[in-house]
Amino acid sequence: MRQNTFLMAIMLTVMISLLAILLPGSKRPTNNYLPWQVTLLPEGNSAVFGLTLGQSSVADAEMQFSEQAVISLFVGHAATDNDHITDDALARAYRSRESDYSVEAYFDQVEMSGLRARAVLEVALSESELAAIYNRGLRISTLGSGVRKVTLSAEDEALVRQSPIATITYLPRADLDEATLRHRFGEPTERLVEPSGVVHLLYPDQGLDLAVSESDKEVILYVPPRDFDRVALPLRLLR
């Protein structure tokens, strides 16, 4: 009975948040943030787009982006260079995972200061929580990369919406070359090139990895600066 009451409270909170986004006349965020505006916080944390990594929830992001996220659990490692990479798989391809499980919230229409993009938010959940969500999944499909995509139950979607954001992957709609990114973000601390030709501009002090590709859209990954080795170390091994 107590668990049912808790789940009903979470679902009510989600419904109120979504109504605030969708109802005509609702007050929307100003959304005047820019991708290169990263705020450094104490203890090696950071904030971008008005969201604090490790603290702000998926529901906070839905309010900020004025969009309901598509939430899924993925099982398996990211696509390889030889796989057909879709947009959501592309976001995962530049992220190093410590687990085979990853819960992600996908936003298809993000607009900040007139810049249009997509965004994928990785959700901070424990290994046991991820395994439990997987076991309660409604159905499983396999992507072209071999990664399995799991549809979550309504209760688990509500749980994820109240969970903190671990990383943000920003996928600009416009093509941005390396020179443009250097102009906006400044000179990187390190520049790494994958065997595939993808160039990574690394900014460890800001927790930024800018992935530039001639054949695919650019990918901007935001992680807490204290966790930046999680991104940089696997890239250095690829050289």
C-alpha atoms as a PDB file:
ATOM      1  CA  MET A   1       0.000   0.000   0.000  1.00  0.00           C
ATOM      2  CA  ARG A   2       2.801   2.430   0.908  1.00  0.00           C
ATOM      3  CA  GLN A   3       4.619   1.641  -2.352  1.00  0.00           C
ATOM      4  CA  ASN A   4       1.449   2.277  -4.400  1.00  0.00           C
ATOM      5  CA  THR A   5       0.949   5.626  -2.664  1.00  0.00           C
ATOM      6  CA  PHE A   6       4.575   6.576  -3.421  1.00  0.00           C
ATOM      7  CA  LEU A   7       4.213   5.675  -7.108  1.00  0.00           C
ATOM      8  CA  MET A   8       0.945   7.600  -7.387  1.00  0.00           C
ATOM      9  CA  ALA A   9       2.626  10.663  -5.879  1.00  0.00           C
ATOM     10  CA  ILE A  10       5.489  10.454  -8.391  1.00  0.00           C
ATOM     11  CA  MET A  11       3.100  10.056 -11.324  1.00  0.00           C
ATOM     12  CA  LEU A  12       1.024  13.024 -10.118  1.00  0.00           C
ATOM     13  CA  THR A  13       4.174  15.154  -9.956  1.00  0.00           C
ATOM     14  CA  VAL A  14       5.087  14.151 -13.523  1.00  0.00           C
ATOM     15  CA  MET A  15       1.595  14.959 -14.792  1.00  0.00           C
ATOM     16  CA  ILE A  16       1.657  18.404 -13.171  1.00  0.00           C
ATOM     17  CA  SER A  17       5.089  19.110 -14.688  1.00  0.00           C
ATOM     18  CA  LEU A  18       3.967  18.068 -18.163  1.00  0.00           C
ATOM     19  CA  LEU A  19       0.788  20.138 -17.930  1.00  0.00           C
ATOM     20  CA  ALA A  20       2.923  23.136 -17.015  1.00  0.00           C
ATOM     21  CA  ILE A  21       4.893  22.548 -20.220  1.00  0.00           C
ATOM     22  CA  LEU A  22       2.018  21.833 -22.584  1.00  0.00           C
ATOM     23  CA  LEU A  23      -0.925  23.989 -21.497  1.00  0.00           C
ATOM     24  CA  PRO A  24      -1.421  27.230 -23.474  1.00  0.00           C
ATOM     25  CA  GLY A  25      -0.397  30.287 -21.528  1.00  0.00           C
ATOM     26  CA  SER A  26       1.985  28.332 -19.319  1.00  0.00           C
ATOM     27  CA  LYS A  27       5.078  30.225 -18.248  1.00  0.00           C
ATOM     28  CA  ARG A  28       8.039  28.765 -20.124  1.00  0.00           C
ATOM     29  CA  PRO A  29      11.727  29.097 -19.264  1.00  0.00           C
ATOM     30  CA  THR A  30      13.605  31.877 -21.026  1.00  0.00           C
ATOM     31  CA  ASN A  31      15.974  29.303 -22.600  1.00  0.00           C
ATOM     32  CA  ASN A  32      18.682  31.874 -23.227  1.00  0.00           C
ATOM     33  CA  TYR A  33      21.541  29.468 -22.511  1.00  0.00           C
ATOM     34  CA  LEU A  34      24.334  28.708 -24.986  1.00  0.00           C
ATOM     35  CA  PRO A  35      26.263  25.419 -25.383  1.00  0.00           C
ATOM     36  CA  TRP A  36      29.617  27.040 -24.548  1.00  0.00           C
ATOM     37  CA  GLN A  37      28.343  28.558 -21.293  1.00  0.00           C
ATOM     38  CA  VAL A  38      29.470  26.035 -18.679  1.00  0.00           C
ATOM     39  CA  THR A  39      29.292  27.061 -15.019  1.00  0.00           C
ATOM     40  CA  LEU A  40      31.908  25.472 -12.774  1.00  0.00           C
ATOM     41  CA  LEU A  41      30.646  24.518  -9.311  1.00  0.00           C
ATOM     42  CA  PRO A  42      32.356  23.375  -6.089  1.00  0.00           C
ATOM     43  CA  GLU A  43      33.641  19.812  -5.667  1.00  0.00           C
ATOM     44  CA  GLY A  44      34.353  19.307  -9.367  1.00  0.00           C
ATOM     45  CA  ASN A  45      30.790  19.691 -10.587  1.00  0.00           C
ATOM     46  CA  SER A  46      29.327  21.815 -13.390  1.00  0.00           C
ATOM     47  CA  ALA A  47      26.079  23.145 -14.825  1.00  0.00           C
ATOM     48  CA  VAL A  48      24.937  23.802 -18.393  1.00  0.00           C
ATOM     49  CA  PHE A  49      21.585  24.854 -19.895  1.00  0.00           C
ATOM     50  CA  GLY A  50      20.428  25.700 -16.371  1.00  0.00           C
ATOM     51  CA  LEU A  51      20.863  22.072 -15.265  1.00  0.00           C
ATOM     52  CA  THR A  52      23.342  20.918 -12.612  1.00  0.00           C
ATOM     53  CA  LEU A  53      24.908  17.531 -13.362  1.00  0.00           C
ATOM     54  CA  GLY A  54      24.310  15.020 -10.604  1.00  0.00           C
ATOM     55  CA  GLN A  55      21.565  17.142  -9.032  1.00  0.00           C
ATOM     56  CA  SER A  56      18.974  18.304 -11.570  1.00  0.00           C
ATOM     57  CA  SER A  57      16.458  15.623 -12.551  1.00  0.00           C
ATOM     58  CA  VAL A  58      15.056  14.525 -15.902  1.00  0.00           C
ATOM     59  CA  ALA A  59      11.817  16.288 -14.903  1.00  0.00           C
ATOM     60  CA  ASP A  60      13.837  19.502 -14.453  1.00  0.00           C
ATOM     61  CA  ALA A  61      15.218  19.051 -17.977  1.00  0.00           C
ATOM     62  CA  GLU A  62      11.707  18.553 -19.362  1.00  0.00           C
ATOM     63  CA  MET A  63      10.699  21.861 -17.820  1.00  0.00           C
ATOM     64  CA  GLN A  64      13.833  23.566 -19.114  1.00  0.00           C
ATOM     65  CA  PHE A  65      13.537  22.174 -22.651  1.00  0.00           C
ATOM     66  CA  SER A  66       9.704  22.474 -22.793  1.00  0.00           C
ATOM     67  CA  GLU A  67       9.504  18.906 -24.082  1.00  0.00           C
ATOM     68  CA  GLN A  68       8.623  15.479 -22.745  1.00  0.00           C
ATOM     69  CA  ALA A  69      11.593  13.110 -22.923  1.00  0.00           C
ATOM     70  CA  VAL A  70      11.512   9.663 -24.512  1.00  0.00           C
ATOM     71  CA  ILE A  71      12.993   7.386 -21.857  1.00  0.00           C
ATOM     72  CA  SER A  72      14.625   4.042 -22.688  1.00  0.00           C
ATOM     73  CA  LEU A  73      17.076   1.582 -21.193  1.00  0.00           C
ATOM     74  CA  PHE A  74      19.904   0.329 -23.410  1.00  0.00           C
ATOM     75  CA  VAL A  75      21.827  -2.896 -22.894  1.00  0.00           C
ATOM     76  CA  GLY A  76      25.207  -3.536 -24.502  1.00  0.00           C
ATOM     77  CA  HIS A  77      28.126  -1.390 -25.554  1.00  0.00           C
ATOM     78  CA  ALA A  78      28.012   1.422 -28.083  1.00  0.00           C
ATOM     79  CA  ALA A  79      28.084   0.894 -31.812  1.00  0.00           C
ATOM     80  CA  THR A  80      31.420   0.180 -33.486  1.00  0.00           C
ATOM     81  CA  ASP A  81      32.832   2.125 -36.423  1.00  0.00           C
ATOM     82  CA  ASN A  82      31.506  -0.488 -38.853  1.00  0.00           C
ATOM     83  CA  ASP A  83      27.907  -0.323 -37.607  1.00  0.00           C
ATOM     84  CA  HIS A  84      25.144   1.818 -38.996  1.00  0.00           C
ATOM     85  CA  ILE A  85      24.944   4.575 -36.376  1.00  0.00           C
ATOM     86  CA  THR A  86      21.587   6.253 -35.773  1.00  0.00           C
ATOM     87  CA  ASP A  87      21.282   9.583 -33.964  1.00  0.00           C
ATOM     88  CA  ASP A  88      20.693   8.122 -30.508  1.00  0.00           C
ATOM     89  CA  ALA A  89      23.409   5.511 -31.023  1.00  0.00           C
ATOM     90  CA  LEU A  90      25.780   8.255 -32.153  1.00  0.00           C
ATOM     91  CA  ALA A  91      25.349   9.943 -28.793  1.00  0.00           C
ATOM     92  CA  ARG A  92      26.258   6.719 -27.006  1.00  0.00           C
ATOM     93  CA  ALA A  93      29.201   6.043 -29.329  1.00  0.00           C
ATOM     94  CA  TYR A  94      31.197   8.856 -27.727  1.00  0.00           C
ATOM     95  CA  ARG A  95      30.438   7.887 -24.153  1.00  0.00           C
ATOM     96  CA  SER A  96      32.432   5.441 -22.046  1.00  0.00           C
ATOM     97  CA  ARG A  97      30.270   3.218 -19.897  1.00  0.00           C
ATOM     98  CA  GLU A  98      31.244   1.347 -16.780  1.00  0.00           C
ATOM     99  CA  SER A  99      28.060  -0.747 -17.037  1.00  0.00           C
ATOM    100  CA  ASP A 100      26.277  -2.670 -19.771  1.00  0.00           C
ATOM    101  CA  TYR A 101      23.079  -0.860 -18.731  1.00  0.00           C
ATOM    102  CA  SER A 102      22.292   2.775 -19.491  1.00  0.00           C
ATOM    103  CA  VAL A 103      19.018   4.652 -18.946  1.00  0.00           C
ATOM    104  CA  GLU A 104      18.710   7.656 -21.222  1.00  0.00           C
ATOM    105  CA  ALA A 105      16.224  10.460 -21.769  1.00  0.00           C
ATOM    106  CA  TYR A 106      16.026  11.662 -25.371  1.00  0.00           C
ATOM    107  CA  PHE A 107      14.867  15.135 -26.459  1.00  0.00           C
ATOM    108  CA  ASP A 108      14.212  15.680 -30.162  1.00  0.00           C
ATOM    109  CA  GLN A 109      13.461  19.419 -30.245  1.00  0.00           C
ATOM    110  CA  VAL A 110      15.799  21.393 -27.985  1.00  0.00           C
ATOM    111  CA  GLU A 111      16.020  25.101 -28.744  1.00  0.00           C
ATOM    112  CA  MET A 112      18.268  27.409 -26.717  1.00  0.00           C
ATOM    113  CA  SER A 113      18.950  31.010 -27.767  1.00  0.00           C
ATOM    114  CA  GLY A 114      17.671  30.166 -31.249  1.00  0.00           C
ATOM    115  CA  LEU A 115      20.038  27.183 -31.648  1.00  0.00           C
ATOM    116  CA  ARG A 116      18.236  23.934 -32.482  1.00  0.00           C
ATOM    117  CA  ALA A 117      19.553  20.559 -31.349  1.00  0.00           C
ATOM    118  CA  ARG A 118      18.753  17.151 -29.951  1.00  0.00           C
ATOM    119  CA  ALA A 119      19.877  16.026 -26.525  1.00  0.00           C
ATOM    120  CA  VAL A 120      20.458  12.726 -24.746  1.00  0.00           C
ATOM    121  CA  LEU A 121      20.661  12.705 -20.958  1.00  0.00           C
ATOM    122  CA  GLU A 122      22.240   9.759 -19.179  1.00  0.00           C
ATOM    123  CA  VAL A 123      20.529   9.126 -15.842  1.00  0.00           C
ATOM    124  CA  ALA A 124      22.479   8.407 -12.645  1.00  0.00           C
ATOM    125  CA  LEU A 125      21.163   5.110 -11.265  1.00  0.00           C
ATOM    126  CA  SER A 126      22.907   2.314  -9.388  1.00  0.00           C
ATOM    127  CA  GLU A 127      23.718  -1.030 -11.000  1.00  0.00           C
ATOM    128  CA  SER A 128      21.039  -2.748  -8.915  1.00  0.00           C
ATOM    129  CA  GLU A 129      18.433  -0.146  -9.907  1.00  0.00           C
ATOM    130  CA  LEU A 130      19.310  -0.554 -13.587  1.00  0.00           C
ATOM    131  CA  ALA A 131      19.080  -4.348 -13.366  1.00  0.00           C
ATOM    132  CA  ALA A 132      15.700  -4.118 -11.665  1.00  0.00           C
ATOM    133  CA  ILE A 133      14.387  -1.727 -14.338  1.00  0.00           C
ATOM    134  CA  TYR A 134      15.617  -4.131 -17.022  1.00  0.00           C
ATOM    135  CA  ASN A 135      13.813  -7.057 -15.387  1.00  0.00           C
ATOM    136  CA  ARG A 136      10.570  -5.054 -15.295  1.00  0.00           C
ATOM    137  CA  GLY A 137      10.903  -3.894 -18.918  1.00  0.00           C
ATOM    138  CA  LEU A 138       7.848  -4.225 -21.137  1.00  0.00           C
ATOM    139  CA  ARG A 139       9.597  -5.208 -24.397  1.00  0.00           C
ATOM    140  CA  ILE A 140      13.040  -5.410 -25.972  1.00  0.00           C
ATOM    141  CA  SER A 141      14.149  -4.489 -29.494  1.00  0.00           C
ATOM    142  CA  THR A 142      17.618  -4.761 -31.072  1.00  0.00           C
ATOM    143  CA  LEU A 143      19.185  -1.790 -32.844  1.00  0.00           C
ATOM    144  CA  GLY A 144      21.389  -2.086 -35.922  1.00  0.00           C
ATOM    145  CA  SER A 145      24.469  -1.775 -33.728  1.00  0.00           C
ATOM    146  CA  GLY A 146      23.435  -4.835 -31.689  1.00  0.00           C
ATOM    147  CA  VAL A 147      22.516  -2.711 -28.668  1.00  0.00           C
ATOM    148  CA  ARG A 148      19.217  -3.787 -27.089  1.00  0.00           C
ATOM    149  CA  LYS A 149      16.599  -1.113 -26.360  1.00  0.00           C
ATOM    150  CA  VAL A 150      14.175  -1.762 -23.507  1.00  0.00           C
ATOM    151  CA  THR A 151      10.788  -0.044 -23.118  1.00  0.00           C
ATOM    152  CA  LEU A 152      10.210   0.866 -19.469  1.00  0.00           C
ATOM    153  CA  SER A 153       7.088   0.382 -17.382  1.00  0.00           C
ATOM    154  CA  ALA A 154       5.092   3.487 -16.409  1.00  0.00           C
ATOM    155  CA  GLU A 155       6.306   3.192 -12.804  1.00  0.00           C
ATOM    156  CA  ASP A 156       9.952   3.037 -13.878  1.00  0.00           C
ATOM    157  CA  GLU A 157       9.520   5.988 -16.249  1.00  0.00           C
ATOM    158  CA  ALA A 158       8.186   7.989 -13.306  1.00  0.00           C
ATOM    159  CA  LEU A 159      11.178   6.898 -11.215  1.00  0.00           C
ATOM    160  CA  VAL A 160      13.636   7.918 -13.936  1.00  0.00           C
ATOM    161  CA  ARG A 161      12.026  11.355 -14.293  1.00  0.00           C
ATOM    162  CA  GLN A 162      12.821  12.055 -10.634  1.00  0.00           C
ATOM    163  CA  SER A 163      16.411  10.748 -10.929  1.00  0.00           C
ATOM    164  CA  PRO A 164      19.484  12.994 -11.355  1.00  0.00           C
ATOM    165  CA  ILE A 165      21.217  13.607 -14.679  1.00  0.00           C
ATOM    166  CA  ALA A 166      24.722  12.114 -14.945  1.00  0.00           C
ATOM    167  CA  THR A 167      25.772  13.465 -18.364  1.00  0.00           C
ATOM    168  CA  ILE A 168      24.326  15.554 -21.191  1.00  0.00           C
ATOM    169  CA  THR A 169      25.036  14.820 -24.839  1.00  0.00           C
ATOM    170  CA  TYR A 170      24.117  17.734 -27.112  1.00  0.00           C
ATOM    171  CA  LEU A 171      23.625  17.103 -30.850  1.00  0.00           C
ATOM    172  CA  PRO A 172      23.488  20.370 -32.836  1.00  0.00           C
ATOM    173  CA  ARG A 173      21.222  20.398 -35.876  1.00  0.00           C
ATOM    174  CA  ALA A 174      23.677  22.621 -37.749  1.00  0.00           C
ATOM    175  CA  ASP A 175      27.022  21.392 -39.040  1.00  0.00           C
ATOM    176  CA  LEU A 176      29.860  22.876 -36.989  1.00  0.00           C
ATOM    177  CA  ASP A 177      33.456  22.561 -38.099  1.00  0.00           C
ATOM    178  CA  GLU A 178      36.465  22.402 -35.782  1.00  0.00           C
ATOM    179  CA  ALA A 179      37.392  26.047 -36.343  1.00  0.00           C
ATOM    180  CA  THR A 180      33.919  27.211 -35.294  1.00  0.00           C
ATOM    181  CA  LEU A 181      33.992  25.078 -32.157  1.00  0.00           C
ATOM    182  CA  ARG A 182      37.453  26.357 -31.194  1.00  0.00           C
ATOM    183  CA  HIS A 183      36.235  29.925 -31.676  1.00  0.00           C
ATOM    184  CA  ARG A 184      33.222  29.388 -29.382  1.00  0.00           C
ATOM    185  CA  PHE A 185      34.706  27.084 -26.736  1.00  0.00           C
ATOM    186  CA  GLY A 186      38.321  28.252 -26.830  1.00  0.00           C
ATOM    187  CA  GLU A 187      41.484  26.243 -27.397  1.00  0.00           C
ATOM    188  CA  PRO A 188      41.256  22.668 -26.042  1.00  0.00           C
ATOM    189  CA  THR A 189      43.662  21.226 -23.526  1.00  0.00           C
ATOM    190  CA  GLU A 190      44.048  18.117 -25.669  1.00  0.00           C
ATOM    191  CA  ARG A 191      43.182  17.044 -29.212  1.00  0.00           C
ATOM    192  CA  LEU A 192      42.761  13.327 -29.928  1.00  0.00           C
ATOM    193  CA  VAL A 193      41.967  11.618 -33.234  1.00  0.00           C
ATOM    194  CA  GLU A 194      40.275   8.210 -33.401  1.00  0.00           C
ATOM    195  CA  PRO A 195      41.323   5.689 -36.085  1.00  0.00           C
ATOM    196  CA  SER A 196      37.952   6.431 -37.736  1.00  0.00           C
ATOM    197  CA  GLY A 197      38.995  10.063 -38.178  1.00  0.00           C
ATOM    198  CA  VAL A 198      36.699  11.512 -35.510  1.00  0.00           C
ATOM    199  CA  VAL A 199      38.471  14.397 -33.749  1.00  0.00           C
ATOM    200  CA  HIS A 200      37.947  14.978 -30.021  1.00  0.00           C
ATOM    201  CA  LEU A 201      38.606  18.415 -28.537  1.00  0.00           C
ATOM    202  CA  LEU A 202      38.984  17.879 -24.779  1.00  0.00           C
ATOM    203  CA  TYR A 203      38.418  20.476 -22.057  1.00  0.00           C
ATOM    204  CA  PRO A 204      38.937  18.595 -18.765  1.00  0.00           C
ATOM    205  CA  ASP A 205      38.570  21.681 -16.562  1.00  0.00           C
ATOM    206  CA  GLN A 206      35.055  22.175 -17.922  1.00  0.00           C
ATOM    207  CA  GLY A 207      34.142  18.507 -18.390  1.00  0.00           C
ATOM    208  CA  LEU A 208      33.748  18.907 -22.164  1.00  0.00           C
ATOM    209  CA  ASP A 209      34.377  16.532 -25.058  1.00  0.00           C
ATOM    210  CA  LEU A 210      33.642  17.967 -28.521  1.00  0.00           C
ATOM    211  CA  ALA A 211      33.570  15.213 -31.158  1.00  0.00           C
ATOM    212  CA  VAL A 212      33.958  16.481 -34.731  1.00  0.00           C
ATOM    213  CA  SER A 213      33.285  14.238 -37.722  1.00  0.00           C
ATOM    214  CA  GLU A 214      33.311  14.868 -41.465  1.00  0.00           C
ATOM    215  CA  SER A 215      30.594  12.263 -42.081  1.00  0.00           C
ATOM    216  CA  ASP A 216      28.335  12.709 -39.017  1.00  0.00           C
ATOM    217  CA  LYS A 217      26.934  15.548 -36.950  1.00  0.00           C
ATOM    218  CA  GLU A 218      29.081  16.962 -34.186  1.00  0.00           C
ATOM    219  CA  VAL A 219      28.577  15.696 -30.629  1.00  0.00           C
ATOM    220  CA  ILE A 220      29.123  17.745 -27.463  1.00  0.00           C
ATOM    221  CA  LEU A 221      29.390  15.740 -24.244  1.00  0.00           C
ATOM    222  CA  TYR A 222      29.123  17.381 -20.818  1.00  0.00           C
ATOM    223  CA  VAL A 223      30.297  15.476 -17.728  1.00  0.00           C
ATOM    224  CA  PRO A 224      31.287  16.705 -14.250  1.00  0.00           C
ATOM    225  CA  PRO A 225      34.959  17.776 -14.491  1.00  0.00           C
ATOM    226  CA  ARG A 226      35.833  15.453 -11.594  1.00  0.00           C
ATOM    227  CA  ASP A 227      34.696  12.506 -13.752  1.00  0.00           C
ATOM    228  CA  PHE A 228      36.472  13.554 -16.949  1.00  0.00           C
ATOM    229  CA  ASP A 229      38.928  10.636 -16.924  1.00  0.00           C
ATOM    230  CA  ARG A 230      35.940   8.419 -17.631  1.00  0.00           C
ATOM    231  CA  VAL A 231      35.822  10.085 -21.056  1.00  0.00           C
ATOM    232  CA  ALA A 232      39.479  10.812 -21.754  1.00  0.00           C
ATOM    233  CA  LEU A 233      41.165   7.531 -20.785  1.00  0.00           C
ATOM    234  CA  PRO A 234      39.272   5.289 -23.269  1.00  0.00           C
ATOM    235  CA  LEU A 235      39.922   7.829 -26.048  1.00  0.00           C
ATOM    236  CA  ARG A 236      43.660   7.793 -25.367  1.00  0.00           C
ATOM    237  CA  LEU A 237      43.641   3.993 -25.654  1.00  0.00           C
ATOM    238  CA  LEU A 238      42.138   4.249 -29.167  1.00  0.00           C
ATOM    239  CA  ARG A 239      45.087   6.169 -30.609  1.00  0.00           C
END
